[in-house]
């Protein structure tokens, strides 16, 4: 099962303060929009997202269809196919992708310890 690019999505209280902190750790802005309260930062292959006021708690994030540089992969497993496979294994998302659709979609899983996992497909 290929889940795609991996990152940590952090729920932050002050986007500018968080960006300044992670910049000191060597991260550089690779995407996002501060006016919309979200940024994507990269340090080598390590990717973190900073999100102010968008969700509670931190998320493990996977992006089907992308590599670690957020470049499109020629082939990937669609989030709906991942969801169906997980369903066969007894894992039910708390937020499901609509299986009748195509293209961008997301599902959210919760692991046994309550950690949220976002599988967010952009194409």
PDB file of N, CA and C in Angstrom:
ATOM      1  N   UNK A   1       0.852  -1.174   0.000  1.00  0.00           N
ATOM      2  CA  UNK A   1       0.000   0.000   0.000  1.00  0.00           C
ATOM      3  C   UNK A   1       0.896   1.235   0.000  1.00  0.00           C
ATOM      4  N   UNK A   2       0.747   2.062  -1.011  1.00  0.00           N
ATOM      5  CA  UNK A   2       1.523   3.300  -1.118  1.00  0.00           C
ATOM      6  C   UNK A   2       0.643   4.482  -0.710  1.00  0.00           C
ATOM      7  N   UNK A   3       1.042   5.152   0.358  1.00  0.00           N
ATOM      8  CA  UNK A   3       0.245   6.264   0.881  1.00  0.00           C
ATOM      9  C   UNK A   3       0.662   7.614   0.314  1.00  0.00           C
ATOM     10  N   UNK A   4       1.823   7.695  -0.321  1.00  0.00           N
ATOM     11  CA  UNK A   4       2.283   8.957  -0.896  1.00  0.00           C
ATOM     12  C   UNK A   4       3.215   9.708   0.023  1.00  0.00           C
ATOM     13  N   UNK A   5       3.412  10.975  -0.275  1.00  0.00           N
ATOM     14  CA  UNK A   5       4.334  11.830   0.485  1.00  0.00           C
ATOM     15  C   UNK A   5       3.882  11.931   1.933  1.00  0.00           C
ATOM     16  N   UNK A   6       4.846  12.015   2.841  1.00  0.00           N
ATOM     17  CA  UNK A   6       4.547  12.093   4.268  1.00  0.00           C
ATOM     18  C   UNK A   6       4.965  13.433   4.834  1.00  0.00           C
ATOM     19  N   UNK A   7       4.145  13.966   5.720  1.00  0.00           N
ATOM     20  CA  UNK A   7       4.492  15.180   6.467  1.00  0.00           C
ATOM     21  C   UNK A   7       3.739  15.175   7.794  1.00  0.00           C
ATOM     22  N   UNK A   8       4.152  16.057   8.652  1.00  0.00           N
ATOM     23  CA  UNK A   8       3.447  16.303   9.903  1.00  0.00           C
ATOM     24  C   UNK A   8       2.711  17.627   9.739  1.00  0.00           C
ATOM     25  N   UNK A   9       1.442  17.652  10.056  1.00  0.00           N
ATOM     26  CA  UNK A   9       0.649  18.881  10.020  1.00  0.00           C
ATOM     27  C   UNK A   9       0.450  19.348  11.452  1.00  0.00           C
ATOM     28  N   UNK A  10       0.989  20.512  11.762  1.00  0.00           N
ATOM     29  CA  UNK A  10       0.939  21.041  13.120  1.00  0.00           C
ATOM     30  C   UNK A  10      -0.127  22.117  13.248  1.00  0.00           C
ATOM     31  N   UNK A  11      -0.957  21.990  14.248  1.00  0.00           N
ATOM     32  CA  UNK A  11      -1.932  23.014  14.582  1.00  0.00           C
ATOM     33  C   UNK A  11      -1.212  24.045  15.452  1.00  0.00           C
ATOM     34  N   UNK A  12      -1.059  25.262  14.948  1.00  0.00           N
ATOM     35  CA  UNK A  12      -0.274  26.280  15.656  1.00  0.00           C
ATOM     36  C   UNK A  12      -1.165  27.436  16.114  1.00  0.00           C
ATOM     37  N   UNK A  13      -0.725  28.096  17.171  1.00  0.00           N
ATOM     38  CA  UNK A  13      -1.471  29.242  17.719  1.00  0.00           C
ATOM     39  C   UNK A  13      -1.113  30.538  17.019  1.00  0.00           C
ATOM     40  N   UNK A  14       0.161  30.678  16.608  1.00  0.00           N
ATOM     41  CA  UNK A  14       0.652  31.901  15.981  1.00  0.00           C
ATOM     42  C   UNK A  14       1.529  31.492  14.804  1.00  0.00           C
ATOM     43  N   UNK A  15       0.983  31.619  13.601  1.00  0.00           N
ATOM     44  CA  UNK A  15       1.672  31.158  12.403  1.00  0.00           C
ATOM     45  C   UNK A  15       3.035  31.816  12.229  1.00  0.00           C
ATOM     46  N   UNK A  16       3.101  33.126  12.402  1.00  0.00           N
ATOM     47  CA  UNK A  16       4.366  33.849  12.217  1.00  0.00           C
ATOM     48  C   UNK A  16       5.412  33.398  13.226  1.00  0.00           C
ATOM     49  N   UNK A  17       5.024  33.229  14.476  1.00  0.00           N
ATOM     50  CA  UNK A  17       5.967  32.787  15.510  1.00  0.00           C
ATOM     51  C   UNK A  17       6.455  31.376  15.212  1.00  0.00           C
ATOM     52  N   UNK A  18       5.559  30.503  14.762  1.00  0.00           N
ATOM     53  CA  UNK A  18       5.950  29.139  14.438  1.00  0.00           C
ATOM     54  C   UNK A  18       6.870  29.113  13.226  1.00  0.00           C
ATOM     55  N   UNK A  19       6.559  29.908  12.218  1.00  0.00           N
ATOM     56  CA  UNK A  19       7.425  29.974  11.043  1.00  0.00           C
ATOM     57  C   UNK A  19       8.818  30.462  11.440  1.00  0.00           C
ATOM     58  N   UNK A  20       8.903  31.484  12.257  1.00  0.00           N
ATOM     59  CA  UNK A  20      10.199  32.001  12.701  1.00  0.00           C
ATOM     60  C   UNK A  20      10.985  30.926  13.451  1.00  0.00           C
ATOM     61  N   UNK A  21      10.305  30.177  14.331  1.00  0.00           N
ATOM     62  CA  UNK A  21      10.962  29.115  15.084  1.00  0.00           C
ATOM     63  C   UNK A  21      11.526  28.044  14.154  1.00  0.00           C
ATOM     64  N   UNK A  22      10.705  27.535  13.244  1.00  0.00           N
ATOM     65  CA  UNK A  22      11.147  26.452  12.363  1.00  0.00           C
ATOM     66  C   UNK A  22      12.178  26.934  11.345  1.00  0.00           C
ATOM     67  N   UNK A  23      12.141  28.212  10.978  1.00  0.00           N
ATOM     68  CA  UNK A  23      13.178  28.776  10.114  1.00  0.00           C
ATOM     69  C   UNK A  23      14.533  28.702  10.804  1.00  0.00           C
ATOM     70  N   UNK A  24      14.558  28.949  12.105  1.00  0.00           N
ATOM     71  CA  UNK A  24      15.810  28.844  12.864  1.00  0.00           C
ATOM     72  C   UNK A  24      16.325  27.410  12.913  1.00  0.00           C
ATOM     73  N   UNK A  25      15.432  26.437  12.721  1.00  0.00           N
ATOM     74  CA  UNK A  25      15.835  25.032  12.677  1.00  0.00           C
ATOM     75  C   UNK A  25      16.253  24.596  11.266  1.00  0.00           C
ATOM     76  N   UNK A  26      16.245  25.535  10.325  1.00  0.00           N
ATOM     77  CA  UNK A  26      16.690  25.238   8.965  1.00  0.00           C
ATOM     78  C   UNK A  26      15.596  24.971   7.963  1.00  0.00           C
ATOM     79  N   UNK A  27      14.338  25.142   8.344  1.00  0.00           N
ATOM     80  CA  UNK A  27      13.232  24.936   7.410  1.00  0.00           C
ATOM     81  C   UNK A  27      13.041  26.181   6.550  1.00  0.00           C
ATOM     82  N   UNK A  28      12.639  25.950   5.308  1.00  0.00           N
ATOM     83  CA  UNK A  28      12.331  27.042   4.379  1.00  0.00           C
ATOM     84  C   UNK A  28      10.907  26.862   3.862  1.00  0.00           C
ATOM     85  N   UNK A  29      10.249  27.973   3.576  1.00  0.00           N
ATOM     86  CA  UNK A  29       8.889  27.888   3.060  1.00  0.00           C
ATOM     87  C   UNK A  29       8.906  27.250   1.680  1.00  0.00           C
ATOM     88  N   UNK A  30       8.060  26.247   1.484  1.00  0.00           N
ATOM     89  CA  UNK A  30       7.968  25.537   0.211  1.00  0.00           C
ATOM     90  C   UNK A  30       6.578  25.652  -0.399  1.00  0.00           C
ATOM     91  N   UNK A  31       5.648  26.259   0.318  1.00  0.00           N
ATOM     92  CA  UNK A  31       4.291  26.389  -0.191  1.00  0.00           C
ATOM     93  C   UNK A  31       3.391  26.999   0.856  1.00  0.00           C
ATOM     94  N   UNK A  32       2.139  27.086   0.509  1.00  0.00           N
ATOM     95  CA  UNK A  32       1.162  27.626   1.440  1.00  0.00           C
ATOM     96  C   UNK A  32       0.868  29.088   1.210  1.00  0.00           C
ATOM     97  N   UNK A  33       0.073  29.655   2.122  1.00  0.00           N
ATOM     98  CA  UNK A  33      -0.343  31.045   2.017  1.00  0.00           C
ATOM     99  C   UNK A  33      -0.581  31.578   3.427  1.00  0.00           C
ATOM    100  N   UNK A  34       0.304  32.427   3.893  1.00  0.00           N
ATOM    101  CA  UNK A  34       0.194  32.965   5.249  1.00  0.00           C
ATOM    102  C   UNK A  34      -1.119  33.722   5.447  1.00  0.00           C
ATOM    103  N   UNK A  35      -1.624  34.370   4.401  1.00  0.00           N
ATOM    104  CA  UNK A  35      -2.891  35.103   4.517  1.00  0.00           C
ATOM    105  C   UNK A  35      -4.068  34.157   4.740  1.00  0.00           C
ATOM    106  N   UNK A  36      -3.909  32.901   4.349  1.00  0.00           N
ATOM    107  CA  UNK A  36      -4.938  31.881   4.575  1.00  0.00           C
ATOM    108  C   UNK A  36      -4.610  31.037   5.807  1.00  0.00           C
ATOM    109  N   UNK A  37      -3.582  31.426   6.555  1.00  0.00           N
ATOM    110  CA  UNK A  37      -3.183  30.789   7.818  1.00  0.00           C
ATOM    111  C   UNK A  37      -2.596  29.397   7.676  1.00  0.00           C
ATOM    112  N   UNK A  38      -1.862  29.135   6.580  1.00  0.00           N
ATOM    113  CA  UNK A  38      -1.174  27.855   6.453  1.00  0.00           C
ATOM    114  C   UNK A  38       0.088  28.009   5.620  1.00  0.00           C
ATOM    115  N   UNK A  39       1.119  27.245   6.022  1.00  0.00           N
ATOM    116  CA  UNK A  39       2.403  27.227   5.322  1.00  0.00           C
ATOM    117  C   UNK A  39       2.940  25.804   5.278  1.00  0.00           C
ATOM    118  N   UNK A  40       3.666  25.504   4.232  1.00  0.00           N
ATOM    119  CA  UNK A  40       4.391  24.236   4.120  1.00  0.00           C
ATOM    120  C   UNK A  40       5.873  24.581   4.187  1.00  0.00           C
ATOM    121  N   UNK A  41       6.583  23.916   5.097  1.00  0.00           N
ATOM    122  CA  UNK A  41       8.013  24.158   5.275  1.00  0.00           C
ATOM    123  C   UNK A  41       8.778  22.874   4.982  1.00  0.00           C
ATOM    124  N   UNK A  42      10.000  23.052   4.450  1.00  0.00           N
ATOM    125  CA  UNK A  42      10.818  21.897   4.080  1.00  0.00           C
ATOM    126  C   UNK A  42      12.239  22.102   4.584  1.00  0.00           C
ATOM    127  N   UNK A  43      12.815  21.004   5.055  1.00  0.00           N
ATOM    128  CA  UNK A  43      14.231  20.949   5.414  1.00  0.00           C
ATOM    129  C   UNK A  43      14.736  19.642   4.828  1.00  0.00           C
ATOM    130  N   UNK A  44      15.357  19.701   3.666  1.00  0.00           N
ATOM    131  CA  UNK A  44      15.738  18.485   2.957  1.00  0.00           C
ATOM    132  C   UNK A  44      14.495  17.717   2.559  1.00  0.00           C
ATOM    133  N   UNK A  45      14.413  16.459   2.941  1.00  0.00           N
ATOM    134  CA  UNK A  45      13.245  15.623   2.639  1.00  0.00           C
ATOM    135  C   UNK A  45      12.157  15.737   3.700  1.00  0.00           C
ATOM    136  N   UNK A  46      12.429  16.461   4.782  1.00  0.00           N
ATOM    137  CA  UNK A  46      11.474  16.580   5.883  1.00  0.00           C
ATOM    138  C   UNK A  46      10.497  17.718   5.603  1.00  0.00           C
ATOM    139  N   UNK A  47       9.212  17.411   5.720  1.00  0.00           N
ATOM    140  CA  UNK A  47       8.162  18.383   5.414  1.00  0.00           C
ATOM    141  C   UNK A  47       7.241  18.518   6.618  1.00  0.00           C
ATOM    142  N   UNK A  48       6.966  19.773   6.989  1.00  0.00           N
ATOM    143  CA  UNK A  48       5.956  20.046   8.011  1.00  0.00           C
ATOM    144  C   UNK A  48       4.999  21.098   7.470  1.00  0.00           C
ATOM    145  N   UNK A  49       3.758  20.983   7.877  1.00  0.00           N
ATOM    146  CA  UNK A  49       2.762  21.990   7.552  1.00  0.00           C
ATOM    147  C   UNK A  49       2.385  22.709   8.831  1.00  0.00           C
ATOM    148  N   UNK A  50       2.249  24.020   8.747  1.00  0.00           N
ATOM    149  CA  UNK A  50       1.806  24.833   9.879  1.00  0.00           C
ATOM    150  C   UNK A  50       0.413  25.353   9.541  1.00  0.00           C
ATOM    151  N   UNK A  51      -0.542  25.092  10.423  1.00  0.00           N
ATOM    152  CA  UNK A  51      -1.934  25.464  10.171  1.00  0.00           C
ATOM    153  C   UNK A  51      -2.494  26.163  11.400  1.00  0.00           C
ATOM    154  N   UNK A  52      -2.876  27.421  11.237  1.00  0.00           N
ATOM    155  CA  UNK A  52      -3.436  28.190  12.343  1.00  0.00           C
ATOM    156  C   UNK A  52      -4.956  28.234  12.222  1.00  0.00           C
ATOM    157  N   UNK A  53      -5.648  27.703  13.249  1.00  0.00           N
ATOM    158  CA  UNK A  53      -7.103  27.782  13.304  1.00  0.00           C
ATOM    159  C   UNK A  53      -7.847  26.878  12.344  1.00  0.00           C
ATOM    160  N   UNK A  54      -7.195  25.864  11.803  1.00  0.00           N
ATOM    161  CA  UNK A  54      -7.859  24.998  10.820  1.00  0.00           C
ATOM    162  C   UNK A  54      -8.317  23.669  11.389  1.00  0.00           C
ATOM    163  N   UNK A  55      -7.641  23.164  12.411  1.00  0.00           N
ATOM    164  CA  UNK A  55      -8.019  21.899  13.029  1.00  0.00           C
ATOM    165  C   UNK A  55      -7.402  21.832  14.413  1.00  0.00           C
ATOM    166  N   UNK A  56      -7.921  20.921  15.223  1.00  0.00           N
ATOM    167  CA  UNK A  56      -7.386  20.718  16.566  1.00  0.00           C
ATOM    168  C   UNK A  56      -6.381  19.588  16.556  1.00  0.00           C
ATOM    169  N   UNK A  57      -5.304  19.753  17.276  1.00  0.00           N
ATOM    170  CA  UNK A  57      -4.303  18.695  17.375  1.00  0.00           C
ATOM    171  C   UNK A  57      -3.454  18.593  16.127  1.00  0.00           C
ATOM    172  N   UNK A  58      -2.436  17.773  16.220  1.00  0.00           N
ATOM    173  CA  UNK A  58      -1.516  17.561  15.115  1.00  0.00           C
ATOM    174  C   UNK A  58      -1.917  16.316  14.344  1.00  0.00           C
ATOM    175  N   UNK A  59      -1.553  16.274  13.067  1.00  0.00           N
ATOM    176  CA  UNK A  59      -1.926  15.168  12.189  1.00  0.00           C
ATOM    177  C   UNK A  59      -0.706  14.592  11.504  1.00  0.00           C
ATOM    178  N   UNK A  60      -0.703  13.279  11.327  1.00  0.00           N
ATOM    179  CA  UNK A  60       0.200  12.657  10.369  1.00  0.00           C
ATOM    180  C   UNK A  60      -0.498  12.822   9.026  1.00  0.00           C
ATOM    181  N   UNK A  61       0.220  13.250   8.002  1.00  0.00           N
ATOM    182  CA  UNK A  61      -0.412  13.506   6.718  1.00  0.00           C
ATOM    183  C   UNK A  61       0.288  12.727   5.609  1.00  0.00           C
ATOM    184  N   UNK A  62      -0.520  12.099   4.755  1.00  0.00           N
ATOM    185  CA  UNK A  62      -0.019  11.413   3.566  1.00  0.00           C
ATOM    186  C   UNK A  62      -0.734  12.004   2.361  1.00  0.00           C
ATOM    187  N   UNK A  63       0.012  12.198   1.278  1.00  0.00           N
ATOM    188  CA  UNK A  63      -0.552  12.741   0.044  1.00  0.00           C
ATOM    189  C   UNK A  63      -0.354  11.769  -1.118  1.00  0.00           C
ATOM    190  N   UNK A  64      -1.375  10.934  -1.391  1.00  0.00           N
ATOM    191  CA  UNK A  64      -1.285  10.042  -2.553  1.00  0.00           C
ATOM    192  C   UNK A  64      -1.077  10.865  -3.829  1.00  0.00           C
ATOM    193  N   UNK A  65      -0.216  10.367  -4.700  1.00  0.00           N
ATOM    194  CA  UNK A  65       0.026  11.050  -5.970  1.00  0.00           C
ATOM    195  C   UNK A  65       1.201  11.994  -5.951  1.00  0.00           C
ATOM    196  N   UNK A  66       1.795  12.225  -4.785  1.00  0.00           N
ATOM    197  CA  UNK A  66       2.954  13.129  -4.673  1.00  0.00           C
ATOM    198  C   UNK A  66       4.153  12.390  -4.149  1.00  0.00           C
ATOM    199  N   UNK A  67       5.350  12.848  -4.567  1.00  0.00           N
ATOM    200  CA  UNK A  67       6.580  12.409  -3.930  1.00  0.00           C
ATOM    201  C   UNK A  67       6.919  13.409  -2.816  1.00  0.00           C
ATOM    202  N   UNK A  68       8.036  13.228  -2.134  1.00  0.00           N
ATOM    203  CA  UNK A  68       8.390  14.099  -0.997  1.00  0.00           C
ATOM    204  C   UNK A  68       8.653  15.543  -1.407  1.00  0.00           C
ATOM    205  N   UNK A  69       8.844  15.797  -2.695  1.00  0.00           N
ATOM    206  CA  UNK A  69       9.046  17.165  -3.185  1.00  0.00           C
ATOM    207  C   UNK A  69       7.742  17.775  -3.711  1.00  0.00           C
ATOM    208  N   UNK A  70       6.605  17.125  -3.428  1.00  0.00           N
ATOM    209  CA  UNK A  70       5.275  17.561  -3.875  1.00  0.00           C
ATOM    210  C   UNK A  70       5.161  17.576  -5.398  1.00  0.00           C
ATOM    211  N   UNK A  71       5.885  16.669  -6.031  1.00  0.00           N
ATOM    212  CA  UNK A  71       5.793  16.511  -7.474  1.00  0.00           C
ATOM    213  C   UNK A  71       4.882  15.322  -7.774  1.00  0.00           C
ATOM    214  N   UNK A  72       4.114  15.459  -8.856  1.00  0.00           N
ATOM    215  CA  UNK A  72       3.172  14.406  -9.230  1.00  0.00           C
ATOM    216  C   UNK A  72       3.896  13.110  -9.577  1.00  0.00           C
ATOM    217  N   UNK A  73       3.378  12.017  -9.060  1.00  0.00           N
ATOM    218  CA  UNK A  73       3.867  10.684  -9.418  1.00  0.00           C
ATOM    219  C   UNK A  73       3.110  10.207 -10.649  1.00  0.00           C
ATOM    220  N   UNK A  74       3.769   9.483 -11.571  1.00  0.00           N
ATOM    221  CA  UNK A  74       3.064   9.013 -12.760  1.00  0.00           C
ATOM    222  C   UNK A  74       1.952   8.009 -12.429  1.00  0.00           C
ATOM    223  N   UNK A  75       2.166   7.217 -11.399  1.00  0.00           N
ATOM    224  CA  UNK A  75       1.156   6.253 -10.962  1.00  0.00           C
ATOM    225  C   UNK A  75       1.051   6.310  -9.452  1.00  0.00           C
ATOM    226  N   UNK A  76      -0.163   6.144  -8.940  1.00  0.00           N
ATOM    227  CA  UNK A  76      -0.374   6.134  -7.497  1.00  0.00           C
ATOM    228  C   UNK A  76      -1.695   5.453  -7.186  1.00  0.00           C
ATOM    229  N   UNK A  77      -1.860   5.078  -5.930  1.00  0.00           N
ATOM    230  CA  UNK A  77      -3.105   4.456  -5.485  1.00  0.00           C
ATOM    231  C   UNK A  77      -4.052   5.554  -5.014  1.00  0.00           C
ATOM    232  N   UNK A  78      -5.204   5.622  -5.633  1.00  0.00           N
ATOM    233  CA  UNK A  78      -6.211   6.621  -5.305  1.00  0.00           C
ATOM    234  C   UNK A  78      -6.679   6.460  -3.855  1.00  0.00           C
ATOM    235  N   UNK A  79      -6.983   7.573  -3.208  1.00  0.00           N
ATOM    236  CA  UNK A  79      -7.419   7.553  -1.813  1.00  0.00           C
ATOM    237  C   UNK A  79      -8.649   6.667  -1.615  1.00  0.00           C
ATOM    238  N   UNK A  80      -9.533   6.611  -2.606  1.00  0.00           N
ATOM    239  CA  UNK A  80     -10.726   5.776  -2.482  1.00  0.00           C
ATOM    240  C   UNK A  80     -10.367   4.286  -2.510  1.00  0.00           C
ATOM    241  N   UNK A  81      -9.350   3.923  -3.303  1.00  0.00           N
ATOM    242  CA  UNK A  81      -8.881   2.537  -3.323  1.00  0.00           C
ATOM    243  C   UNK A  81      -8.199   2.195  -2.003  1.00  0.00           C
ATOM    244  N   UNK A  82      -7.432   3.126  -1.462  1.00  0.00           N
ATOM    245  CA  UNK A  82      -6.818   2.918  -0.146  1.00  0.00           C
ATOM    246  C   UNK A  82      -7.896   2.703   0.905  1.00  0.00           C
ATOM    247  N   UNK A  83      -8.924   3.531   0.853  1.00  0.00           N
ATOM    248  CA  UNK A  83     -10.032   3.450   1.808  1.00  0.00           C
ATOM    249  C   UNK A  83     -10.727   2.092   1.724  1.00  0.00           C
ATOM    250  N   UNK A  84     -10.946   1.590   0.501  1.00  0.00           N
ATOM    251  CA  UNK A  84     -11.598   0.292   0.322  1.00  0.00           C
ATOM    252  C   UNK A  84     -10.731  -0.833   0.884  1.00  0.00           C
ATOM    253  N   UNK A  85      -9.417  -0.770   0.618  1.00  0.00           N
ATOM    254  CA  UNK A  85      -8.499  -1.785   1.139  1.00  0.00           C
ATOM    255  C   UNK A  85      -8.473  -1.772   2.656  1.00  0.00           C
ATOM    256  N   UNK A  86      -8.414  -0.585   3.239  1.00  0.00           N
ATOM    257  CA  UNK A  86      -8.422  -0.478   4.697  1.00  0.00           C
ATOM    258  C   UNK A  86      -9.736  -0.989   5.274  1.00  0.00           C
ATOM    259  N   UNK A  87     -10.851  -0.706   4.595  1.00  0.00           N
ATOM    260  CA  UNK A  87     -12.145  -1.197   5.043  1.00  0.00           C
ATOM    261  C   UNK A  87     -12.187  -2.716   5.096  1.00  0.00           C
ATOM    262  N   UNK A  88     -11.568  -3.364   4.101  1.00  0.00           N
ATOM    263  CA  UNK A  88     -11.492  -4.830   4.088  1.00  0.00           C
ATOM    264  C   UNK A  88     -10.685  -5.358   5.267  1.00  0.00           C
ATOM    265  N   UNK A  89      -9.801  -4.512   5.808  1.00  0.00           N
ATOM    266  CA  UNK A  89      -8.972  -4.901   6.950  1.00  0.00           C
ATOM    267  C   UNK A  89      -9.572  -4.439   8.280  1.00  0.00           C
ATOM    268  N   UNK A  90     -10.798  -3.914   8.225  1.00  0.00           N
ATOM    269  CA  UNK A  90     -11.490  -3.513   9.440  1.00  0.00           C
ATOM    270  C   UNK A  90     -11.177  -2.120   9.936  1.00  0.00           C
ATOM    271  N   UNK A  91     -10.570  -1.281   9.089  1.00  0.00           N
ATOM    272  CA  UNK A  91     -10.262   0.095   9.484  1.00  0.00           C
ATOM    273  C   UNK A  91     -11.263   1.015   8.799  1.00  0.00           C
ATOM    274  N   UNK A  92     -12.052   1.712   9.608  1.00  0.00           N
ATOM    275  CA  UNK A  92     -13.074   2.617   9.094  1.00  0.00           C
ATOM    276  C   UNK A  92     -12.656   4.060   9.353  1.00  0.00           C
ATOM    277  N   UNK A  93     -12.619   4.891   8.314  1.00  0.00           N
ATOM    278  CA  UNK A  93     -12.251   6.296   8.525  1.00  0.00           C
ATOM    279  C   UNK A  93     -13.303   7.025   9.358  1.00  0.00           C
ATOM    280  N   UNK A  94     -12.864   8.018  10.116  1.00  0.00           N
ATOM    281  CA  UNK A  94     -13.815   8.884  10.829  1.00  0.00           C
ATOM    282  C   UNK A  94     -14.362   9.934   9.878  1.00  0.00           C
ATOM    283  N   UNK A  95     -13.628  10.202   8.807  1.00  0.00           N
ATOM    284  CA  UNK A  95     -14.125  11.037   7.712  1.00  0.00           C
ATOM    285  C   UNK A  95     -13.724  10.302   6.433  1.00  0.00           C
ATOM    286  N   UNK A  96     -14.696   9.935   5.627  1.00  0.00           N
ATOM    287  CA  UNK A  96     -14.436   9.110   4.449  1.00  0.00           C
ATOM    288  C   UNK A  96     -14.474   9.924   3.165  1.00  0.00           C
ATOM    289  N   UNK A  97     -13.697   9.458   2.188  1.00  0.00           N
ATOM    290  CA  UNK A  97     -13.779   9.997   0.835  1.00  0.00           C
ATOM    291  C   UNK A  97     -15.008   9.381   0.166  1.00  0.00           C
ATOM    292  N   UNK A  98     -15.691  10.154  -0.651  1.00  0.00           N
ATOM    293  CA  UNK A  98     -16.868   9.657  -1.359  1.00  0.00           C
ATOM    294  C   UNK A  98     -16.406   8.732  -2.480  1.00  0.00           C
ATOM    295  N   UNK A  99     -16.740   7.433  -2.406  1.00  0.00           N
ATOM    296  CA  UNK A  99     -16.263   6.489  -3.422  1.00  0.00           C
ATOM    297  C   UNK A  99     -16.849   6.733  -4.814  1.00  0.00           C
ATOM    298  N   UNK A 100     -17.888   7.536  -4.919  1.00  0.00           N
ATOM    299  CA  UNK A 100     -18.517   7.803  -6.212  1.00  0.00           C
ATOM    300  C   UNK A 100     -17.837   8.950  -6.965  1.00  0.00           C
ATOM    301  N   UNK A 101     -16.800   9.555  -6.359  1.00  0.00           N
ATOM    302  CA  UNK A 101     -16.136  10.695  -6.984  1.00  0.00           C
ATOM    303  C   UNK A 101     -14.781  10.297  -7.547  1.00  0.00           C
ATOM    304  N   UNK A 102     -14.168  11.220  -8.275  1.00  0.00           N
ATOM    305  CA  UNK A 102     -12.807  11.076  -8.790  1.00  0.00           C
ATOM    306  C   UNK A 102     -12.041  12.340  -8.456  1.00  0.00           C
ATOM    307  N   UNK A 103     -10.718  12.258  -8.510  1.00  0.00           N
ATOM    308  CA  UNK A 103      -9.892  13.440  -8.294  1.00  0.00           C
ATOM    309  C   UNK A 103      -9.628  13.702  -6.819  1.00  0.00           C
ATOM    310  N   UNK A 104      -9.431  14.981  -6.471  1.00  0.00           N
ATOM    311  CA  UNK A 104      -9.084  15.322  -5.086  1.00  0.00           C
ATOM    312  C   UNK A 104     -10.111  14.801  -4.079  1.00  0.00           C
ATOM    313  N   UNK A 105      -9.588  14.251  -2.984  1.00  0.00           N
ATOM    314  CA  UNK A 105     -10.443  13.734  -1.908  1.00  0.00           C
ATOM    315  C   UNK A 105      -9.569  13.477  -0.692  1.00  0.00           C
ATOM    316  N   UNK A 106     -10.226  13.267   0.449  1.00  0.00           N
ATOM    317  CA  UNK A 106      -9.474  12.994   1.673  1.00  0.00           C
ATOM    318  C   UNK A 106     -10.246  12.049   2.561  1.00  0.00           C
ATOM    319  N   UNK A 107      -9.495  11.380   3.407  1.00  0.00           N
ATOM    320  CA  UNK A 107     -10.091  10.601   4.486  1.00  0.00           C
ATOM    321  C   UNK A 107      -9.250  10.829   5.724  1.00  0.00           C
ATOM    322  N   UNK A 108      -9.882  10.667   6.876  1.00  0.00           N
ATOM    323  CA  UNK A 108      -9.173  10.797   8.147  1.00  0.00           C
ATOM    324  C   UNK A 108      -9.369   9.509   8.926  1.00  0.00           C
ATOM    325  N   UNK A 109      -8.258   8.976   9.392  1.00  0.00           N
ATOM    326  CA  UNK A 109      -8.248   7.774  10.221  1.00  0.00           C
ATOM    327  C   UNK A 109      -7.803   8.170  11.620  1.00  0.00           C
ATOM    328  N   UNK A 110      -8.126   7.331  12.590  1.00  0.00           N
ATOM    329  CA  UNK A 110      -7.631   7.527  13.953  1.00  0.00           C
ATOM    330  C   UNK A 110      -7.006   6.216  14.399  1.00  0.00           C
ATOM    331  N   UNK A 111      -5.739   6.292  14.853  1.00  0.00           N
ATOM    332  CA  UNK A 111      -5.070   5.064  15.283  1.00  0.00           C
ATOM    333  C   UNK A 111      -5.532   4.682  16.690  1.00  0.00           C
ATOM    334  N   UNK A 112      -5.114   3.523  17.198  1.00  0.00           N
ATOM    335  CA  UNK A 112      -5.590   3.060  18.504  1.00  0.00           C
ATOM    336  C   UNK A 112      -5.282   3.998  19.671  1.00  0.00           C
ATOM    337  N   UNK A 113      -4.313   4.908  19.476  1.00  0.00           N
ATOM    338  CA  UNK A 113      -3.962   5.852  20.537  1.00  0.00           C
ATOM    339  C   UNK A 113      -4.610   7.217  20.359  1.00  0.00           C
ATOM    340  N   UNK A 114      -5.486   7.344  19.371  1.00  0.00           N
ATOM    341  CA  UNK A 114      -6.189   8.596  19.155  1.00  0.00           C
ATOM    342  C   UNK A 114      -5.482   9.577  18.234  1.00  0.00           C
ATOM    343  N   UNK A 115      -4.362   9.168  17.628  1.00  0.00           N
ATOM    344  CA  UNK A 115      -3.655  10.042  16.689  1.00  0.00           C
ATOM    345  C   UNK A 115      -4.398  10.071  15.362  1.00  0.00           C
ATOM    346  N   UNK A 116      -4.591  11.275  14.826  1.00  0.00           N
ATOM    347  CA  UNK A 116      -5.296  11.414  13.559  1.00  0.00           C
ATOM    348  C   UNK A 116      -4.322  11.296  12.404  1.00  0.00           C
ATOM    349  N   UNK A 117      -4.781  10.629  11.353  1.00  0.00           N
ATOM    350  CA  UNK A 117      -4.001  10.444  10.118  1.00  0.00           C
ATOM    351  C   UNK A 117      -4.855  10.954   8.967  1.00  0.00           C
ATOM    352  N   UNK A 118      -4.346  11.979   8.306  1.00  0.00           N
ATOM    353  CA  UNK A 118      -5.031  12.558   7.162  1.00  0.00           C
ATOM    354  C   UNK A 118      -4.409  11.997   5.895  1.00  0.00           C
ATOM    355  N   UNK A 119      -5.249  11.433   5.037  1.00  0.00           N
ATOM    356  CA  UNK A 119      -4.811  10.992   3.701  1.00  0.00           C
ATOM    357  C   UNK A 119      -5.500  11.957   2.729  1.00  0.00           C
ATOM    358  N   UNK A 120      -4.711  12.878   2.180  1.00  0.00           N
ATOM    359  CA  UNK A 120      -5.220  14.035   1.445  1.00  0.00           C
ATOM    360  C   UNK A 120      -4.679  14.019   0.014  1.00  0.00           C
ATOM    361  N   UNK A 121      -5.519  13.620  -0.910  1.00  0.00           N
ATOM    362  CA  UNK A 121      -5.131  13.523  -2.320  1.00  0.00           C
ATOM    363  C   UNK A 121      -5.499  14.820  -3.029  1.00  0.00           C
ATOM    364  N   UNK A 122      -4.540  15.414  -3.725  1.00  0.00           N
ATOM    365  CA  UNK A 122      -4.742  16.714  -4.370  1.00  0.00           C
ATOM    366  C   UNK A 122      -5.074  16.653  -5.833  1.00  0.00           C
ATOM    367  N   UNK A 123      -5.006  15.460  -6.437  1.00  0.00           N
ATOM    368  CA  UNK A 123      -5.304  15.380  -7.884  1.00  0.00           C
ATOM    369  C   UNK A 123      -6.083  14.123  -8.219  1.00  0.00           C
TER     370      UNK A 123
END
